[in-house]
Amino acid sequence: MNTTATEAYVNEAISNLTATLTEKDTELEGSIGAIGGLGDVLWLLLGAYMVFFMQASRFNADGTVSDLHRGHNAVLQALDVGPALNGILAGLVGITAPCVVVEPWAAAFIGFVAAFVYYGSSKMLLKLKIDDVLEASPVHFFCGAWGCLSVGFFATDIYVNNGVNGAYAADKDNGDSGNYGAFYGGGGEQLGTQIVGVLAIAAWTCGTSALMFFGLSKAGVLRVSPEDEQTGLDDSHHGGSAYDMQTMQANSGTVKVEAV
């Protein structure tokens, strides 16, 4: 089947699914108004699935229907839940510092930016060949730093200096102190404070960690043996493998992780 025929096959499948979703959505709206938007959710899921599906299928001039099935399998094999969960954590970490002093829209925007901070810092560590398999640094260090810095941009005067519910008691009666976000007319004073705070936290954390790791290294207990590294800590220290490595290696170019 050529590319045109393959696309026709996909279009027909979409049309059939469209009719089914429309019919079900109409029935739901007629009987249960509270879930009348279910069709919209299904449309969203359909769109997301088709993006992955079409990308994974990699149609060519000699494409056949079997390409579609392989594409379906490739989607299931290539999707990795780890980055998705870390993206959620990135948003949570990013909003931790400013949560009490920002508007809801700013909270959503800060979490949105945190996802890109996480992704960019994760790729940067890979480029630098720094091993962080749990991606703790991108999530907690870099996104935490972004959250602290965001206070200097998005903190509002009323949330910071309000006489009843202000965040900082010492400044409740000083609404012109400039200790709120630059985007709200606070100037750069609070942003400068946040930068100093991030640098101080980084210096303390990196300094104390370096001392601890240096001591462990000198004591010879910082790393496991090369043999244990090659075998993997799951097998060498924890009594069994968490992943089916043979399946992962067999699926060249894809990532398929199976718990055992």
Protein backbone atom coordinates (compact mmCIF):
# COMPACT_ATOMS: atom_id res chain seq x y z
CA MET A 1 0.00 0.00 0.00
CA ASN A 2 1.46 3.36 -1.01
CA THR A 3 1.51 6.54 1.07
CA THR A 4 -1.79 7.85 -0.36
CA ALA A 5 -3.60 4.61 0.43
CA THR A 6 -2.10 4.52 3.91
CA GLU A 7 -3.25 8.06 4.62
CA ALA A 8 -6.72 7.15 3.35
CA TYR A 9 -6.76 4.22 5.76
CA VAL A 10 -5.90 6.52 8.65
CA ASN A 11 -8.47 9.13 7.59
CA GLU A 12 -11.19 6.48 7.45
CA ALA A 13 -10.28 5.27 10.93
CA ILE A 14 -10.42 8.83 12.24
CA SER A 15 -13.80 9.41 10.58
CA ASN A 16 -15.25 6.29 12.18
CA LEU A 17 -13.92 7.29 15.59
CA THR A 18 -15.26 10.82 15.06
CA ALA A 19 -18.75 9.51 14.44
CA THR A 20 -18.61 7.28 17.51
CA LEU A 21 -17.36 10.08 19.77
CA THR A 22 -19.96 12.52 18.47
CA GLU A 23 -22.77 10.02 19.02
CA LYS A 24 -21.61 9.17 22.54
CA ASP A 25 -21.06 12.82 23.41
CA THR A 26 -24.60 13.67 22.24
CA GLU A 27 -26.06 10.86 24.33
CA LEU A 28 -24.13 11.98 27.39
CA GLU A 29 -25.13 15.61 26.99
CA GLY A 30 -28.76 14.61 26.64
CA SER A 31 -28.81 12.39 29.71
CA ILE A 32 -26.07 13.62 32.02
CA GLY A 33 -25.29 17.29 31.52
CA ALA A 34 -22.53 17.29 34.11
CA ILE A 35 -20.27 15.18 31.91
CA GLY A 36 -21.23 16.70 28.60
CA GLY A 37 -17.60 17.72 28.03
CA LEU A 38 -16.36 14.13 27.93
CA GLY A 39 -16.19 14.32 24.14
CA ASP A 40 -13.82 17.27 24.37
CA VAL A 41 -11.49 15.29 26.61
CA LEU A 42 -11.59 12.37 24.20
CA TRP A 43 -10.82 14.71 21.32
CA LEU A 44 -7.76 15.93 23.20
CA LEU A 45 -6.58 12.39 23.86
CA LEU A 46 -7.21 11.45 20.25
CA GLY A 47 -5.17 14.38 18.98
CA ALA A 48 -2.27 13.60 21.31
CA TYR A 49 -2.34 9.92 20.38
CA MET A 50 -2.41 10.61 16.65
CA VAL A 51 0.61 12.91 16.90
CA PHE A 52 2.66 10.15 18.51
CA PHE A 53 1.12 7.54 16.22
CA MET A 54 1.92 9.33 12.97
CA GLN A 55 5.43 10.23 14.11
CA ALA A 56 6.20 6.68 15.14
CA SER A 57 4.78 5.17 11.94
CA ARG A 58 7.31 6.97 9.68
CA PHE A 59 5.34 6.57 6.45
CA ASN A 60 7.26 6.15 3.22
CA ALA A 61 6.45 5.39 -0.40
CA ASP A 62 6.34 1.67 0.34
CA GLY A 63 4.40 2.04 3.61
CA THR A 64 1.85 -0.65 4.39
CA VAL A 65 -0.84 -1.10 6.98
CA SER A 66 1.68 -3.10 9.00
CA ASP A 67 3.59 0.17 9.40
CA LEU A 68 0.62 1.44 11.36
CA HIS A 69 0.75 -1.47 13.74
CA ARG A 70 4.48 -1.04 14.17
CA GLY A 71 3.87 2.64 14.77
CA HIS A 72 1.35 1.79 17.49
CA ASN A 73 3.87 -0.51 19.17
CA ALA A 74 6.64 2.07 18.82
CA VAL A 75 4.51 4.64 20.64
CA LEU A 76 3.96 2.28 23.54
CA GLN A 77 7.65 1.42 23.67
CA ALA A 78 9.04 4.93 23.29
CA LEU A 79 6.91 6.81 25.82
CA ASP A 80 8.76 7.21 29.11
CA VAL A 81 6.74 8.08 32.19
CA GLY A 82 9.84 9.30 34.08
CA PRO A 83 10.21 12.72 32.39
CA ALA A 84 6.45 13.29 32.62
CA LEU A 85 6.48 12.72 36.37
CA ASN A 86 9.58 14.86 36.77
CA GLY A 87 7.83 17.58 34.79
CA ILE A 88 5.01 17.54 37.33
CA LEU A 89 7.55 17.73 40.15
CA ALA A 90 9.30 20.58 38.37
CA GLY A 91 6.12 22.64 38.47
CA LEU A 92 5.56 21.84 42.14
CA VAL A 93 9.13 22.72 43.07
CA GLY A 94 9.02 25.90 40.99
CA ILE A 95 5.95 27.26 42.79
CA THR A 96 7.10 26.31 46.30
CA ALA A 97 9.03 29.50 47.04
CA PRO A 98 6.60 32.05 45.55
CA CYS A 99 3.27 30.33 46.35
CA VAL A 100 2.29 32.75 49.13
CA VAL A 101 3.05 35.98 47.25
CA VAL A 102 1.89 35.45 43.64
CA GLU A 103 -1.43 35.53 41.79
CA PRO A 104 -2.94 32.26 40.48
CA TRP A 105 -2.14 33.12 36.85
CA ALA A 106 1.49 33.76 37.81
CA ALA A 107 1.61 30.44 39.67
CA ALA A 108 0.51 28.64 36.50
CA PHE A 109 3.08 30.53 34.42
CA ILE A 110 5.88 29.81 36.90
CA GLY A 111 5.04 26.09 36.79
CA PHE A 112 4.94 26.22 32.99
CA VAL A 113 8.40 27.80 32.81
CA ALA A 114 9.69 25.28 35.35
CA ALA A 115 9.03 22.47 32.86
CA PHE A 116 11.42 24.11 30.38
CA VAL A 117 13.95 24.77 33.14
CA TYR A 118 13.84 21.09 34.04
CA TYR A 119 14.17 19.92 30.43
CA GLY A 120 16.95 22.35 29.56
CA SER A 121 19.02 21.65 32.67
CA SER A 122 18.58 17.91 32.19
CA LYS A 123 19.93 18.14 28.65
CA MET A 124 22.76 20.37 29.84
CA LEU A 125 23.89 17.79 32.41
CA LEU A 126 23.87 15.12 29.71
CA LYS A 127 26.01 17.37 27.49
CA LEU A 128 28.43 17.87 30.38
CA LYS A 129 28.43 14.09 31.01
CA ILE A 130 27.29 14.58 34.60
CA ASP A 131 25.53 11.47 35.87
CA ASP A 132 22.22 12.25 37.56
CA VAL A 133 20.02 9.28 36.79
CA LEU A 134 17.16 10.49 39.00
CA GLU A 135 17.41 14.02 37.58
CA ALA A 136 17.34 15.39 41.12
CA SER A 137 19.43 18.42 40.18
CA PRO A 138 17.21 19.57 37.29
CA VAL A 139 14.07 19.16 39.38
CA HIS A 140 15.14 20.38 42.81
CA PHE A 141 18.16 22.61 42.24
CA PHE A 142 17.46 24.34 38.94
CA CYS A 143 13.66 24.49 39.27
CA GLY A 144 14.01 25.48 42.92
CA ALA A 145 16.35 28.29 41.92
CA TRP A 146 13.86 29.43 39.27
CA GLY A 147 11.10 29.45 41.89
CA CYS A 148 13.17 31.64 44.20
CA LEU A 149 14.03 34.04 41.38
CA SER A 150 10.41 34.23 40.25
CA VAL A 151 9.53 35.97 43.52
CA GLY A 152 11.53 38.93 42.32
CA PHE A 153 9.34 39.15 39.21
CA PHE A 154 5.85 38.11 40.29
CA ALA A 155 5.44 38.89 44.01
CA THR A 156 2.57 41.34 44.47
CA ASP A 157 2.56 44.33 46.81
CA ILE A 158 -0.70 43.35 48.47
CA TYR A 159 0.40 39.77 49.18
CA VAL A 160 3.74 40.94 50.56
CA ASN A 161 2.75 44.06 52.51
CA ASN A 162 -0.93 43.60 53.34
CA GLY A 163 -1.47 44.64 56.95
CA VAL A 164 -3.61 41.59 57.74
CA ASN A 165 -2.35 38.81 55.51
CA GLY A 166 1.03 40.06 54.36
CA ALA A 167 3.76 37.49 53.96
CA TYR A 168 6.45 39.43 55.83
CA ALA A 169 5.56 40.90 59.20
CA ALA A 170 8.38 43.44 59.25
CA ASP A 171 7.10 45.14 56.10
CA LYS A 172 3.32 45.07 56.62
CA ASP A 173 3.18 48.83 57.14
CA ASN A 174 5.74 49.71 54.49
CA GLY A 175 4.02 49.32 51.17
CA ASP A 176 6.61 51.44 49.33
CA SER A 177 9.65 49.43 50.38
CA GLY A 178 10.09 47.90 46.93
CA ASN A 179 10.17 44.40 48.38
CA TYR A 180 7.82 42.97 45.75
CA GLY A 181 8.04 41.90 42.13
CA ALA A 182 9.54 43.96 39.34
CA PHE A 183 6.52 43.22 37.11
CA TYR A 184 4.30 44.91 39.68
CA GLY A 185 6.35 48.07 40.03
CA GLY A 186 8.62 46.93 42.82
CA GLY A 187 11.80 47.67 40.92
CA GLY A 188 14.75 45.32 41.16
CA GLU A 189 15.31 45.33 44.92
CA GLN A 190 13.48 42.09 45.64
CA LEU A 191 14.94 40.41 42.58
CA GLY A 192 18.42 41.31 43.79
CA THR A 193 17.58 39.85 47.19
CA GLN A 194 16.38 36.64 45.57
CA ILE A 195 19.56 36.35 43.50
CA VAL A 196 21.72 36.75 46.60
CA GLY A 197 19.57 34.15 48.36
CA VAL A 198 19.94 31.62 45.54
CA LEU A 199 23.72 32.12 45.45
CA ALA A 200 23.96 31.75 49.24
CA ILE A 201 21.91 28.55 49.21
CA ALA A 202 23.97 27.15 46.31
CA ALA A 203 27.26 28.01 48.03
CA TRP A 204 26.21 26.43 51.31
CA THR A 205 24.78 23.30 49.70
CA CYS A 206 27.65 22.74 47.26
CA GLY A 207 30.25 23.54 49.89
CA THR A 208 28.96 21.19 52.58
CA SER A 209 28.27 18.46 50.00
CA ALA A 210 31.80 18.78 48.60
CA LEU A 211 33.26 18.34 52.09
CA MET A 212 31.14 15.27 52.73
CA PHE A 213 31.90 13.66 49.36
CA PHE A 214 35.61 14.45 49.73
CA GLY A 215 35.65 12.67 53.07
CA LEU A 216 33.79 9.65 51.69
CA SER A 217 36.17 9.52 48.73
CA LYS A 218 39.23 9.57 50.97
CA ALA A 219 37.69 6.82 53.08
CA GLY A 220 37.18 4.71 49.95
CA VAL A 221 33.42 4.36 50.36
CA LEU A 222 32.15 6.94 47.86
CA ARG A 223 31.76 4.50 44.95
CA VAL A 224 31.08 0.81 44.57
CA SER A 225 33.51 -1.46 42.77
CA PRO A 226 33.80 -1.37 38.96
CA GLU A 227 32.35 -4.89 38.89
CA ASP A 228 29.26 -3.77 40.81
CA GLU A 229 28.90 -0.76 38.53
CA GLN A 230 28.94 -3.02 35.48
CA THR A 231 26.49 -5.49 37.01
CA GLY A 232 24.24 -2.73 38.30
CA LEU A 233 23.32 -1.89 41.87
CA ASP A 234 19.93 -3.56 41.58
CA ASP A 235 21.55 -6.96 41.09
CA SER A 236 24.70 -6.43 43.15
CA HIS A 237 23.17 -4.71 46.20
CA HIS A 238 19.39 -5.05 46.14
CA GLY A 239 18.71 -8.65 45.24
CA GLY A 240 17.32 -8.37 41.72
CA SER A 241 16.94 -6.32 38.57
CA ALA A 242 14.24 -3.67 38.31
CA TYR A 243 14.32 -3.65 34.50
CA ASP A 244 14.39 -6.18 31.69
CA MET A 245 17.66 -5.01 30.15
CA GLN A 246 17.60 -7.68 27.42
CA THR A 247 14.29 -6.34 26.13
CA MET A 248 15.62 -2.78 26.22
CA GLN A 249 18.70 -3.75 24.21
CA ALA A 250 16.66 -5.80 21.75
CA ASN A 251 14.48 -2.83 20.92
CA SER A 252 17.18 -0.83 19.25
CA GLY A 253 16.34 2.83 18.99
CA THR A 254 13.43 2.55 21.41
CA VAL A 255 13.14 2.52 25.16
CA LYS A 256 11.02 -0.22 26.61
CA VAL A 257 11.20 -0.68 30.37
CA GLU A 258 9.50 -3.62 31.97
CA ALA A 259 9.34 -4.20 35.69
CA VAL A 260 10.14 -7.73 36.81
